[in-house]
Amino acid sequence: QVQLVESGGGLVQPGGSLRLSCAASITIFSINNLGWYRQAPGKQRELVAIITSGGSTSYGDAVKARFTISRDNTKNTVYPHMNSLEPEDTAVYYCNAVVVRQNIRNDYWGQGTQVTVSS
């Protein structure tokens, strides 16, 4: 079982920046993928960014040029750094951890944090 604690959401103006954080209850080297998804009202959940245990990163097409993801191994925490925010980035952001053991995939989710981009 993996617990994920998110923080950092809020209201930001268009063009602004915001940093979320997600702290995992186990060492991130035991987590295959750790990252973020988001869901806007009336839309499907979509990838924001993930980082693998080996340090590789992947980004959703909508954020690729504007967001970066980093991690602090000592705190078992990942941070999406969100720049040049647009109203279309308004959504609930969810931290996700994927742990694969004996070829069985387990997904764990945080409670979600609201990000609102508005003037």
Protein backbone atom coordinates (compact mmCIF):
# COMPACT_ATOMS: atom_id res chain seq x y z
CA GLN A 1 0.00 0.00 0.00
CA VAL A 2 1.23 3.47 -0.92
CA GLN A 3 -0.15 6.69 0.55
CA LEU A 4 0.25 9.87 -1.44
CA VAL A 5 -0.04 13.31 0.11
CA GLU A 6 -0.52 16.21 -2.29
CA SER A 7 -0.17 19.92 -1.73
CA GLY A 8 0.30 23.17 -3.61
CA GLY A 9 -2.92 23.77 -5.51
CA GLY A 10 -4.71 27.08 -5.64
CA LEU A 11 -5.63 30.06 -7.77
CA VAL A 12 -3.12 31.55 -10.18
CA GLN A 13 -3.37 34.15 -12.92
CA PRO A 14 -2.84 33.27 -16.59
CA GLY A 15 0.84 33.25 -17.41
CA GLY A 16 1.75 32.48 -13.83
CA SER A 17 3.53 29.54 -12.27
CA LEU A 18 2.70 27.00 -9.63
CA ARG A 19 4.48 24.07 -8.04
CA LEU A 20 2.63 21.06 -6.69
CA SER A 21 4.13 18.37 -4.53
CA CYS A 22 3.35 14.72 -3.90
CA ALA A 23 4.95 12.85 -1.04
CA ALA A 24 4.91 9.06 -1.11
CA SER A 25 4.84 6.87 1.99
CA ILE A 26 7.52 4.54 0.62
CA THR A 27 10.84 5.12 -1.06
CA ILE A 28 10.31 6.38 -4.58
CA PHE A 29 12.86 3.86 -5.86
CA SER A 30 10.26 1.19 -5.06
CA ILE A 31 7.71 2.96 -7.26
CA ASN A 32 7.89 2.21 -10.97
CA ASN A 33 6.19 5.44 -12.07
CA LEU A 34 5.29 8.45 -9.94
CA GLY A 35 3.55 11.43 -11.42
CA TRP A 36 0.49 13.51 -12.03
CA TYR A 37 -2.74 13.39 -13.98
CA ARG A 38 -5.49 15.96 -14.18
CA GLN A 39 -9.20 16.03 -14.81
CA ALA A 40 -11.20 19.06 -15.87
CA PRO A 41 -15.00 19.18 -15.57
CA GLY A 42 -16.61 17.14 -18.33
CA LYS A 43 -13.29 15.78 -19.57
CA GLN A 44 -11.39 12.55 -19.16
CA ARG A 45 -8.41 12.28 -16.88
CA GLU A 46 -5.20 13.01 -18.77
CA LEU A 47 -1.49 12.67 -18.23
CA VAL A 48 0.41 15.67 -16.93
CA ALA A 49 3.86 14.25 -16.18
CA ILE A 50 5.48 11.15 -14.78
CA ILE A 51 8.95 10.18 -13.67
CA THR A 52 10.17 6.60 -13.47
CA SER A 53 12.29 5.04 -10.77
CA GLY A 54 15.19 5.32 -13.22
CA GLY A 55 14.62 9.04 -13.70
CA SER A 56 13.03 9.05 -17.15
CA THR A 57 10.25 11.56 -17.68
CA SER A 58 7.14 11.75 -19.85
CA TYR A 59 4.74 14.62 -20.41
CA GLY A 60 1.26 15.07 -21.75
CA ASP A 61 1.09 16.84 -25.09
CA ALA A 62 -0.86 19.76 -23.64
CA VAL A 63 1.87 20.63 -21.13
CA LYS A 64 5.06 19.35 -22.75
CA ALA A 65 6.68 22.72 -23.40
CA ARG A 66 5.55 24.36 -20.18
CA PHE A 67 5.77 21.88 -17.32
CA THR A 68 8.69 19.97 -15.86
CA ILE A 69 8.75 17.26 -13.22
CA SER A 70 11.49 16.73 -10.69
CA ARG A 71 11.95 14.66 -7.57
CA ASP A 72 13.64 14.82 -4.19
CA ASN A 73 14.83 11.32 -3.39
CA THR A 74 15.46 12.16 0.27
CA LYS A 75 11.84 13.23 0.74
CA ASN A 76 10.21 10.65 -1.57
CA THR A 77 8.52 13.60 -3.23
CA VAL A 78 7.89 14.65 -6.82
CA TYR A 79 7.20 18.17 -7.98
CA PRO A 80 5.53 19.28 -11.19
CA HIS A 81 6.73 22.78 -11.98
CA MET A 82 3.96 24.40 -13.98
CA ASN A 83 4.83 27.51 -15.98
CA SER A 84 2.95 29.73 -18.41
CA LEU A 85 -0.33 28.53 -17.00
CA GLU A 86 -3.46 28.92 -19.10
CA PRO A 87 -7.15 28.82 -18.18
CA GLU A 88 -7.24 25.44 -19.94
CA ASP A 89 -4.95 24.08 -17.23
CA THR A 90 -7.75 24.48 -14.69
CA ALA A 91 -8.46 21.02 -13.29
CA VAL A 92 -8.17 18.75 -10.31
CA TYR A 93 -4.64 17.38 -10.27
CA TYR A 94 -4.06 13.87 -8.96
CA CYS A 95 -0.84 12.25 -7.91
CA ASN A 96 -0.42 8.69 -9.14
CA ALA A 97 1.97 5.92 -8.17
CA VAL A 98 2.39 2.73 -10.17
CA VAL A 99 3.94 -0.24 -8.41
CA VAL A 100 4.51 -3.44 -10.36
CA ARG A 101 5.21 -6.59 -8.38
CA GLN A 102 5.29 -10.08 -9.87
CA ASN A 103 3.83 -8.67 -13.10
CA ILE A 104 0.84 -7.24 -11.28
CA ARG A 105 0.28 -3.53 -11.64
CA ASN A 106 -1.12 -1.56 -8.71
CA ASP A 107 -2.19 2.06 -9.09
CA TYR A 108 -2.43 4.39 -6.12
CA TRP A 109 -4.01 7.85 -6.21
CA GLY A 110 -3.87 10.93 -4.09
CA GLN A 111 -6.96 12.82 -3.02
CA GLY A 112 -6.55 15.49 -5.69
CA THR A 113 -5.79 19.18 -5.49
CA GLN A 114 -7.61 21.94 -7.34
CA VAL A 115 -5.69 24.24 -9.67
CA THR A 116 -7.61 27.22 -11.04
CA VAL A 117 -6.10 29.53 -13.63
CA SER A 118 -8.11 32.71 -13.85
CA SER A 119 -7.75 36.45 -13.81
